[in-house]
Amino acid sequence: MSGREVLPLIEGGKGVSATNGMSSGSWAAAGGVGTVSAVNADSYDENGNRIPQI
């Protein structure tokens, strides 16, 4: 990873909105490979209309 030696441990796969820069950053700072989940499930209002993410 960019010429840096890392431990053979990867943090990730915790699901939607469960990973972020804090969890993966801490893992990477300890010598592992941190990943971030960039998937976000759709949200709906009380009438069943999809709420835009952006």
N, C-alpha and C. Protein backbone atom coordinates (compact mmCIF):
# COMPACT_ATOMS: atom_id res chain seq x y z
N MET A 1 0.84 -1.16 0.00
CA MET A 1 0.00 0.00 0.00
C MET A 1 0.89 1.23 0.00
N SER A 2 1.14 1.74 -1.17
CA SER A 2 1.99 2.92 -1.35
C SER A 2 3.39 2.71 -0.79
N GLY A 3 3.88 1.48 -0.85
CA GLY A 3 5.21 1.19 -0.38
C GLY A 3 5.34 0.99 1.12
N ARG A 4 4.23 1.09 1.83
CA ARG A 4 4.26 0.93 3.29
C ARG A 4 3.96 -0.52 3.66
N GLU A 5 4.70 -1.05 4.60
CA GLU A 5 4.44 -2.41 5.08
C GLU A 5 3.28 -2.37 6.06
N VAL A 6 2.30 -3.25 5.86
CA VAL A 6 1.13 -3.30 6.74
C VAL A 6 0.94 -4.71 7.26
N LEU A 7 0.23 -4.81 8.36
CA LEU A 7 -0.12 -6.12 8.90
C LEU A 7 -1.13 -6.78 7.96
N PRO A 8 -1.17 -8.10 7.90
CA PRO A 8 -2.13 -8.77 7.02
C PRO A 8 -3.53 -8.82 7.63
N LEU A 9 -3.98 -7.70 8.17
CA LEU A 9 -5.30 -7.61 8.79
C LEU A 9 -6.07 -6.46 8.16
N ILE A 10 -7.32 -6.73 7.80
CA ILE A 10 -8.15 -5.70 7.19
C ILE A 10 -9.41 -5.52 8.02
N GLU A 11 -9.73 -4.28 8.37
CA GLU A 11 -10.94 -3.94 9.11
C GLU A 11 -11.98 -3.52 8.09
N GLY A 12 -13.18 -4.02 8.23
CA GLY A 12 -14.25 -3.62 7.32
C GLY A 12 -15.38 -4.63 7.31
N GLY A 13 -16.30 -4.46 6.39
CA GLY A 13 -17.40 -5.39 6.23
C GLY A 13 -18.42 -5.35 7.36
N LYS A 14 -18.50 -4.21 8.05
CA LYS A 14 -19.44 -4.12 9.17
C LYS A 14 -20.82 -3.67 8.72
N GLY A 15 -20.98 -3.38 7.46
CA GLY A 15 -22.30 -3.04 6.96
C GLY A 15 -22.55 -1.56 6.78
N VAL A 16 -23.76 -1.27 6.42
CA VAL A 16 -24.18 0.09 6.07
C VAL A 16 -24.04 1.04 7.26
N SER A 17 -23.37 2.13 7.04
CA SER A 17 -23.19 3.21 8.02
C SER A 17 -22.51 2.77 9.31
N ALA A 18 -21.77 1.67 9.26
CA ALA A 18 -21.10 1.20 10.47
C ALA A 18 -19.62 1.54 10.48
N THR A 19 -19.03 1.78 9.33
CA THR A 19 -17.63 2.15 9.27
C THR A 19 -17.51 3.63 8.98
N ASN A 20 -16.46 4.22 9.47
CA ASN A 20 -16.22 5.63 9.21
C ASN A 20 -14.73 5.91 9.34
N GLY A 21 -14.36 7.15 9.20
CA GLY A 21 -12.96 7.52 9.28
C GLY A 21 -12.33 7.24 10.63
N MET A 22 -13.13 7.26 11.68
CA MET A 22 -12.57 7.02 13.02
C MET A 22 -12.19 5.55 13.19
N SER A 23 -13.09 4.64 12.84
CA SER A 23 -12.79 3.21 13.03
C SER A 23 -11.70 2.75 12.07
N SER A 24 -11.80 3.08 10.80
CA SER A 24 -10.80 2.63 9.84
C SER A 24 -9.48 3.37 10.03
N GLY A 25 -9.53 4.65 10.41
CA GLY A 25 -8.31 5.41 10.65
C GLY A 25 -7.52 4.87 11.83
N SER A 26 -8.21 4.52 12.89
CA SER A 26 -7.55 3.94 14.06
C SER A 26 -6.91 2.61 13.72
N TRP A 27 -7.63 1.81 12.94
CA TRP A 27 -7.12 0.49 12.53
C TRP A 27 -5.87 0.68 11.67
N ALA A 28 -5.92 1.60 10.72
CA ALA A 28 -4.78 1.85 9.84
C ALA A 28 -3.59 2.41 10.63
N ALA A 29 -3.85 3.26 11.61
CA ALA A 29 -2.77 3.82 12.42
C ALA A 29 -2.05 2.74 13.22
N ALA A 30 -2.75 1.64 13.50
CA ALA A 30 -2.15 0.53 14.24
C ALA A 30 -1.41 -0.44 13.32
N GLY A 31 -1.38 -0.14 12.01
CA GLY A 31 -0.61 -0.96 11.09
C GLY A 31 -1.42 -1.87 10.20
N GLY A 32 -2.74 -1.85 10.32
CA GLY A 32 -3.59 -2.67 9.47
C GLY A 32 -4.07 -1.87 8.27
N VAL A 33 -5.05 -2.43 7.56
CA VAL A 33 -5.65 -1.75 6.42
C VAL A 33 -7.09 -1.43 6.79
N GLY A 34 -7.44 -0.16 6.84
CA GLY A 34 -8.79 0.25 7.21
C GLY A 34 -9.63 0.53 5.98
N THR A 35 -10.90 0.12 5.99
CA THR A 35 -11.80 0.39 4.88
C THR A 35 -13.03 1.13 5.38
N VAL A 36 -13.71 1.81 4.48
CA VAL A 36 -14.92 2.55 4.82
C VAL A 36 -16.06 2.06 3.95
N SER A 37 -17.20 1.79 4.56
CA SER A 37 -18.39 1.41 3.80
C SER A 37 -19.00 2.67 3.20
N ALA A 38 -19.10 2.70 1.88
CA ALA A 38 -19.66 3.88 1.21
C ALA A 38 -21.08 3.62 0.71
N VAL A 39 -21.72 2.60 1.24
CA VAL A 39 -23.08 2.25 0.84
C VAL A 39 -24.05 2.84 1.85
N ASN A 40 -25.14 3.37 1.38
CA ASN A 40 -26.14 3.92 2.28
C ASN A 40 -27.51 3.49 1.81
N ALA A 41 -28.27 2.85 2.67
CA ALA A 41 -29.61 2.39 2.31
C ALA A 41 -30.55 3.58 2.14
N ASP A 42 -31.56 3.41 1.30
CA ASP A 42 -32.56 4.46 1.13
C ASP A 42 -33.35 4.66 2.41
N SER A 43 -33.76 5.89 2.64
CA SER A 43 -34.62 6.24 3.77
C SER A 43 -35.97 6.68 3.22
N TYR A 44 -37.03 6.42 3.99
CA TYR A 44 -38.38 6.76 3.56
C TYR A 44 -39.10 7.56 4.65
N ASP A 45 -39.95 8.49 4.22
CA ASP A 45 -40.73 9.26 5.19
C ASP A 45 -41.98 8.48 5.58
N GLU A 46 -42.81 9.07 6.44
CA GLU A 46 -43.99 8.38 6.97
C GLU A 46 -45.02 8.05 5.89
N ASN A 47 -44.91 8.66 4.70
CA ASN A 47 -45.83 8.39 3.59
C ASN A 47 -45.26 7.40 2.58
N GLY A 48 -44.08 6.89 2.87
CA GLY A 48 -43.45 5.92 1.97
C GLY A 48 -42.66 6.54 0.83
N ASN A 49 -42.47 7.84 0.86
CA ASN A 49 -41.69 8.52 -0.17
C ASN A 49 -40.21 8.46 0.17
N ARG A 50 -39.39 8.15 -0.85
CA ARG A 50 -37.95 8.07 -0.64
C ARG A 50 -37.40 9.45 -0.32
N ILE A 51 -36.54 9.52 0.70
CA ILE A 51 -35.89 10.77 1.09
C ILE A 51 -34.54 10.82 0.38
N PRO A 52 -34.30 11.83 -0.47
CA PRO A 52 -33.01 11.92 -1.18
C PRO A 52 -31.85 12.03 -0.19
N GLN A 53 -30.73 11.38 -0.52
CA GLN A 53 -29.55 11.41 0.34
C GLN A 53 -28.81 12.73 0.22
N ILE A 54 -28.88 13.36 -0.94
CA ILE A 54 -28.15 14.62 -1.16
C ILE A 54 -29.13 15.69 -1.59
